[in-house]
Amino acid sequence: MIPPKVGRAEDDPAANLALEEALFLRNDGLVLRIWENSESVIIGRAQLARFETDVGYCQAHGIPIVRRFTAGGTVYNGPGNLNWSVFVSRRVDAGHLRYVTDPRAVFRMASSPFLAALEACGAKARLDPPNRIVTEEGKVSGMAAYVSRKGFLCHGTLLVGADLERVKALTTPSPQTIERRYTRSRDVKTANVALDVDSFIRTFVSTLADESKVLIAMGSPDDRERELMRELLATRYGDEGWNLGDPFGQVDERVSAAALVR
């Protein structure tokens, strides 16, 4: 098995989402990614941006709206939020973390070391099926996943010091009813987790290593991953049609064939 790695990235939302897909398409081992974005609204693959956030406000105030290639609802990224991603290929076959295809199983498996790390850092949280992490105060993390025949990606947020009024203002969905094929976000109460971020990251890495039975080494995207990231950024993630358009219209025609293999 190729040695797993963990890395941190810059905070450009479009580039970071392009890198998520590039890592998914190129990964043939186990990768843990810890990353941050500047203030932005991240919408799910099958959502219409104008029903999930105030597009006019975001554009007037320079807040990027970026569509990810995974499903699920809209989340806030920015100050006080940490993003985490776990990439698992079919080659991962040791320990409790391994390749599965059922999305609910993906959420349970990927959230296990995440929850264990939170607990070790003094934060009591639980999985609210299928894809939310909650405390007694509210939702602290939302997860999304993508599964193909070569592996899966599960990524999520973690609110650690965000302005919760700002989070609500940017991610409160419109009450208007639209076609059922579009995924709608739920208006839920959010909360921050009080912890030391650096300590949590170290604990998360060690917990993931324990559960996967492999040594996780620090690393960065390689040249192939960066090249694919730039290609995806130029053709999709930096394009208004991808981010604000109809996911069942012109957007789908430009999705990588490899990314559509399920």
Protein backbone atom coordinates (compact mmCIF):
# COMPACT_ATOMS: atom_id res chain seq x y z
CA MET A 1 0.00 0.00 0.00
CA ILE A 2 1.26 3.49 -0.82
CA PRO A 3 2.14 5.34 2.42
CA PRO A 4 -0.67 7.64 3.54
CA LYS A 5 -0.12 11.32 4.01
CA VAL A 6 -1.60 14.39 5.66
CA GLY A 7 -1.21 17.94 4.38
CA ARG A 8 -2.43 21.51 4.75
CA ALA A 9 -3.36 23.83 1.88
CA GLU A 10 -3.89 27.50 1.10
CA ASP A 11 -7.28 29.06 1.68
CA ASP A 12 -8.66 29.73 -1.83
CA PRO A 13 -12.11 28.05 -1.93
CA ALA A 14 -12.21 27.24 -5.64
CA ALA A 15 -8.67 25.86 -5.68
CA ASN A 16 -9.30 23.83 -2.55
CA LEU A 17 -12.44 22.23 -3.97
CA ALA A 18 -10.60 21.50 -7.23
CA LEU A 19 -7.84 19.85 -5.20
CA GLU A 20 -10.42 17.71 -3.39
CA GLU A 21 -11.53 16.20 -6.70
CA ALA A 22 -7.97 15.88 -7.97
CA LEU A 23 -6.92 13.98 -4.85
CA PHE A 24 -9.96 11.74 -5.13
CA LEU A 25 -9.22 10.88 -8.76
CA ARG A 26 -5.49 10.30 -8.17
CA ASN A 27 -5.56 8.61 -4.76
CA ASP A 28 -4.64 4.94 -4.55
CA GLY A 29 -3.98 4.71 -0.83
CA LEU A 30 -5.09 6.58 2.28
CA VAL A 31 -4.98 10.37 2.53
CA LEU A 32 -6.01 12.65 5.38
CA ARG A 33 -6.26 16.31 4.44
CA ILE A 34 -6.71 19.17 6.92
CA TRP A 35 -7.48 22.48 5.27
CA GLU A 36 -9.04 25.93 5.64
CA ASN A 37 -10.87 28.27 3.30
CA SER A 38 -11.34 32.00 3.32
CA GLU A 39 -14.96 33.03 3.93
CA SER A 40 -17.14 31.27 1.38
CA VAL A 41 -20.37 29.37 0.86
CA ILE A 42 -19.90 25.78 -0.32
CA ILE A 43 -22.93 24.19 -1.95
CA GLY A 44 -23.61 20.53 -2.69
CA ARG A 45 -23.40 18.89 -6.09
CA ALA A 46 -27.18 18.79 -6.71
CA GLN A 47 -28.11 22.20 -5.30
CA LEU A 48 -29.21 25.49 -6.83
CA ALA A 49 -27.20 28.26 -5.21
CA ARG A 50 -29.96 30.86 -5.33
CA PHE A 51 -32.16 28.69 -3.09
CA GLU A 52 -29.41 27.97 -0.55
CA THR A 53 -27.83 31.38 0.08
CA ASP A 54 -28.24 35.06 -0.77
CA VAL A 55 -26.32 35.12 -4.04
CA GLY A 56 -26.69 38.90 -4.46
CA TYR A 57 -25.29 39.59 -1.00
CA CYS A 58 -22.38 37.21 -1.54
CA GLN A 59 -21.49 38.77 -4.88
CA ALA A 60 -21.74 42.31 -3.50
CA HIS A 61 -19.43 41.46 -0.61
CA GLY A 62 -16.93 39.28 -2.49
CA ILE A 63 -17.93 36.03 -0.80
CA PRO A 64 -17.29 33.12 -3.20
CA ILE A 65 -19.98 30.51 -3.74
CA VAL A 66 -18.36 27.24 -4.85
CA ARG A 67 -20.03 23.97 -5.82
CA ARG A 68 -18.26 20.83 -4.61
CA PHE A 69 -18.50 17.53 -6.49
CA THR A 70 -19.92 15.67 -3.49
CA ALA A 71 -23.60 15.66 -2.58
CA GLY A 72 -25.30 17.08 0.51
CA GLY A 73 -26.24 20.53 1.72
CA THR A 74 -24.67 23.96 1.96
CA VAL A 75 -21.98 24.69 4.54
CA TYR A 76 -20.10 27.73 5.75
CA ASN A 77 -16.35 27.96 5.31
CA GLY A 78 -14.20 30.72 6.71
CA PRO A 79 -12.80 32.05 9.99
CA GLY A 80 -13.49 29.64 12.82
CA ASN A 81 -14.07 26.63 10.57
CA LEU A 82 -11.71 23.74 9.88
CA ASN A 83 -12.17 21.32 6.97
CA TRP A 84 -11.11 17.67 7.05
CA SER A 85 -11.06 15.05 4.31
CA VAL A 86 -10.43 11.30 4.36
CA PHE A 87 -9.67 9.56 1.05
CA VAL A 88 -9.75 5.75 1.10
CA SER A 89 -8.95 3.65 -1.96
CA ARG A 90 -9.84 0.00 -2.59
CA ARG A 91 -6.25 -0.84 -1.67
CA VAL A 92 -6.84 0.10 1.96
CA ASP A 93 -7.47 -3.23 3.66
CA ALA A 94 -6.05 -2.96 7.19
CA GLY A 95 -7.64 -2.00 10.48
CA HIS A 96 -11.14 -0.61 10.94
CA LEU A 97 -10.91 1.97 8.14
CA ARG A 98 -11.43 0.33 4.77
CA TYR A 99 -13.16 0.77 1.43
CA VAL A 100 -16.96 0.49 1.54
CA THR A 101 -19.60 1.56 -0.97
CA ASP A 102 -22.70 2.31 1.11
CA PRO A 103 -22.79 6.07 1.86
CA ARG A 104 -24.11 5.57 5.39
CA ALA A 105 -21.28 3.14 6.08
CA VAL A 106 -18.82 5.70 4.69
CA PHE A 107 -20.11 8.33 7.12
CA ARG A 108 -19.95 5.95 10.07
CA MET A 109 -16.46 4.76 9.21
CA ALA A 110 -14.92 8.16 8.46
CA SER A 111 -16.53 9.85 11.47
CA SER A 112 -15.27 7.20 13.90
CA PRO A 113 -11.68 8.51 14.23
CA PHE A 114 -12.97 12.08 13.97
CA LEU A 115 -15.32 11.59 16.93
CA ALA A 116 -12.65 9.75 18.89
CA ALA A 117 -10.26 12.66 18.40
CA LEU A 118 -12.90 15.14 19.53
CA GLU A 119 -13.54 13.08 22.66
CA ALA A 120 -9.83 12.84 23.42
CA CYS A 121 -9.70 16.64 23.24
CA GLY A 122 -12.57 16.99 25.69
CA ALA A 123 -15.41 17.60 23.22
CA LYS A 124 -18.44 15.34 23.52
CA ALA A 125 -20.10 14.84 20.15
CA ARG A 126 -22.01 12.12 18.32
CA LEU A 127 -23.04 11.12 14.83
CA ASP A 128 -26.58 12.22 13.96
CA PRO A 129 -27.25 9.90 11.00
CA PRO A 130 -26.59 10.01 8.26
CA ASN A 131 -24.04 12.81 8.03
CA ARG A 132 -24.11 15.33 10.87
CA ILE A 133 -21.92 15.59 13.95
CA VAL A 134 -23.71 17.24 16.84
CA THR A 135 -23.17 18.24 20.45
CA GLU A 136 -25.80 19.20 23.00
CA GLU A 137 -25.51 22.76 21.68
CA GLY A 138 -26.09 21.97 18.00
CA LYS A 139 -24.49 20.86 14.74
CA VAL A 140 -20.71 21.27 14.71
CA SER A 141 -19.86 19.33 11.55
CA GLY A 142 -21.57 18.38 8.31
CA MET A 143 -20.18 15.63 6.10
CA ALA A 144 -20.45 14.78 2.41
CA ALA A 145 -19.13 11.80 0.47
CA TYR A 146 -18.42 10.45 -2.99
CA VAL A 147 -17.99 6.76 -3.78
CA SER A 148 -16.62 5.15 -6.94
CA ARG A 149 -15.30 1.72 -7.84
CA LYS A 150 -11.77 2.88 -6.96
CA GLY A 151 -12.41 4.43 -3.55
CA PHE A 152 -14.32 6.94 -1.50
CA LEU A 153 -13.96 10.45 -0.18
CA CYS A 154 -15.61 11.68 2.99
CA HIS A 155 -15.07 15.30 3.94
CA GLY A 156 -16.57 17.57 6.53
CA THR A 157 -16.47 20.84 8.40
CA LEU A 158 -15.72 21.59 12.05
CA LEU A 159 -16.87 24.83 13.66
CA VAL A 160 -14.31 25.79 16.29
CA GLY A 161 -14.78 29.54 16.69
CA ALA A 162 -17.03 30.79 13.91
CA ASP A 163 -19.42 33.73 14.11
CA LEU A 164 -22.61 31.67 14.31
CA GLU A 165 -24.84 34.58 13.31
CA ARG A 166 -22.76 34.94 10.17
CA VAL A 167 -22.95 31.19 9.55
CA LYS A 168 -26.73 31.33 9.77
CA ALA A 169 -27.01 34.41 7.57
CA LEU A 170 -24.96 32.82 4.79
CA THR A 171 -26.42 29.31 4.89
CA THR A 172 -30.12 29.74 5.67
CA PRO A 173 -32.01 28.22 2.71
CA SER A 174 -34.96 29.81 1.00
CA PRO A 175 -38.33 28.45 2.18
CA GLN A 176 -39.49 28.27 -1.43
CA THR A 177 -40.34 24.78 -2.70
CA ILE A 178 -38.52 23.54 -5.81
CA GLU A 179 -38.29 20.26 -7.71
CA ARG A 180 -37.38 17.27 -5.55
CA ARG A 181 -34.37 16.37 -7.69
CA TYR A 182 -32.50 19.33 -6.20
CA THR A 183 -31.00 18.73 -2.76
CA ARG A 184 -32.21 21.21 -0.13
CA SER A 185 -30.31 22.26 2.97
CA ARG A 186 -31.92 22.09 6.38
CA ASP A 187 -32.07 25.12 8.64
CA VAL A 188 -30.51 23.71 11.82
CA LYS A 189 -28.91 25.19 14.90
CA THR A 190 -25.13 25.28 14.70
CA ALA A 191 -22.55 25.39 17.48
CA ASN A 192 -18.82 25.73 18.00
CA VAL A 193 -16.57 23.14 19.62
CA ALA A 194 -14.17 24.57 22.19
CA LEU A 195 -10.76 22.97 21.59
CA ASP A 196 -7.17 23.67 20.69
CA VAL A 197 -7.03 23.21 16.92
CA ASP A 198 -3.39 22.13 16.70
CA SER A 199 -3.87 19.58 19.46
CA PHE A 200 -7.00 18.26 17.76
CA ILE A 201 -5.19 17.86 14.44
CA ARG A 202 -2.39 15.87 16.07
CA THR A 203 -4.92 13.71 17.87
CA PHE A 204 -6.96 13.16 14.71
CA VAL A 205 -3.87 12.04 12.81
CA SER A 206 -2.81 9.60 15.53
CA THR A 207 -6.36 8.26 15.94
CA LEU A 208 -6.70 7.70 12.19
CA ALA A 209 -3.34 5.90 12.19
CA ASP A 210 -4.49 3.65 15.03
CA GLU A 211 -7.78 2.78 13.33
CA SER A 212 -6.21 2.16 9.93
CA LYS A 213 -3.15 0.34 11.29
CA VAL A 214 -0.81 2.38 9.11
CA LEU A 215 1.74 5.11 9.71
CA ILE A 216 0.61 8.52 8.47
CA ALA A 217 3.39 10.76 7.18
CA MET A 218 3.28 14.47 6.40
CA GLY A 219 3.12 15.26 2.71
CA SER A 220 1.91 17.62 -0.02
CA PRO A 221 0.08 17.15 -3.33
CA ASP A 222 2.39 15.81 -6.00
CA ASP A 223 2.89 17.32 -9.47
CA ARG A 224 0.17 15.19 -11.08
CA GLU A 225 -2.37 16.17 -8.44
CA ARG A 226 -1.50 19.85 -8.76
CA GLU A 227 -1.72 19.69 -12.55
CA LEU A 228 -5.17 18.09 -12.37
CA MET A 229 -6.22 20.66 -9.75
CA ARG A 230 -5.29 23.50 -12.10
CA GLU A 231 -7.20 21.85 -14.94
CA LEU A 232 -10.31 21.41 -12.81
CA LEU A 233 -10.02 24.95 -11.49
CA ALA A 234 -9.85 26.35 -15.01
CA THR A 235 -12.69 24.27 -16.41
CA ARG A 236 -15.11 24.07 -13.49
CA TYR A 237 -14.42 25.37 -10.02
CA GLY A 238 -13.45 28.83 -11.20
CA ASP A 239 -16.44 28.98 -13.56
CA GLU A 240 -19.70 30.72 -12.63
CA GLY A 241 -21.66 28.18 -14.68
CA TRP A 242 -20.42 25.35 -12.46
CA ASN A 243 -20.91 27.23 -9.22
CA LEU A 244 -24.19 29.04 -9.81
CA GLY A 245 -25.78 27.12 -12.68
CA ASP A 246 -28.24 24.25 -12.83
CA PRO A 247 -26.47 21.02 -11.77
CA PHE A 248 -28.74 19.04 -14.09
CA GLY A 249 -28.06 21.29 -17.05
CA GLN A 250 -24.83 22.37 -18.69
CA VAL A 251 -22.78 21.65 -15.57
CA ASP A 252 -23.08 17.88 -15.76
CA GLU A 253 -21.82 17.79 -19.33
CA ARG A 254 -18.39 18.91 -18.15
CA VAL A 255 -17.97 16.52 -15.26
CA SER A 256 -14.94 14.26 -15.53
CA ALA A 257 -15.89 10.83 -16.84
CA ALA A 258 -13.68 9.28 -14.18
CA ALA A 259 -15.54 11.14 -11.44
CA LEU A 260 -18.87 9.78 -12.61
CA VAL A 261 -17.86 6.12 -12.25
CA ARG A 262 -19.83 4.77 -9.30
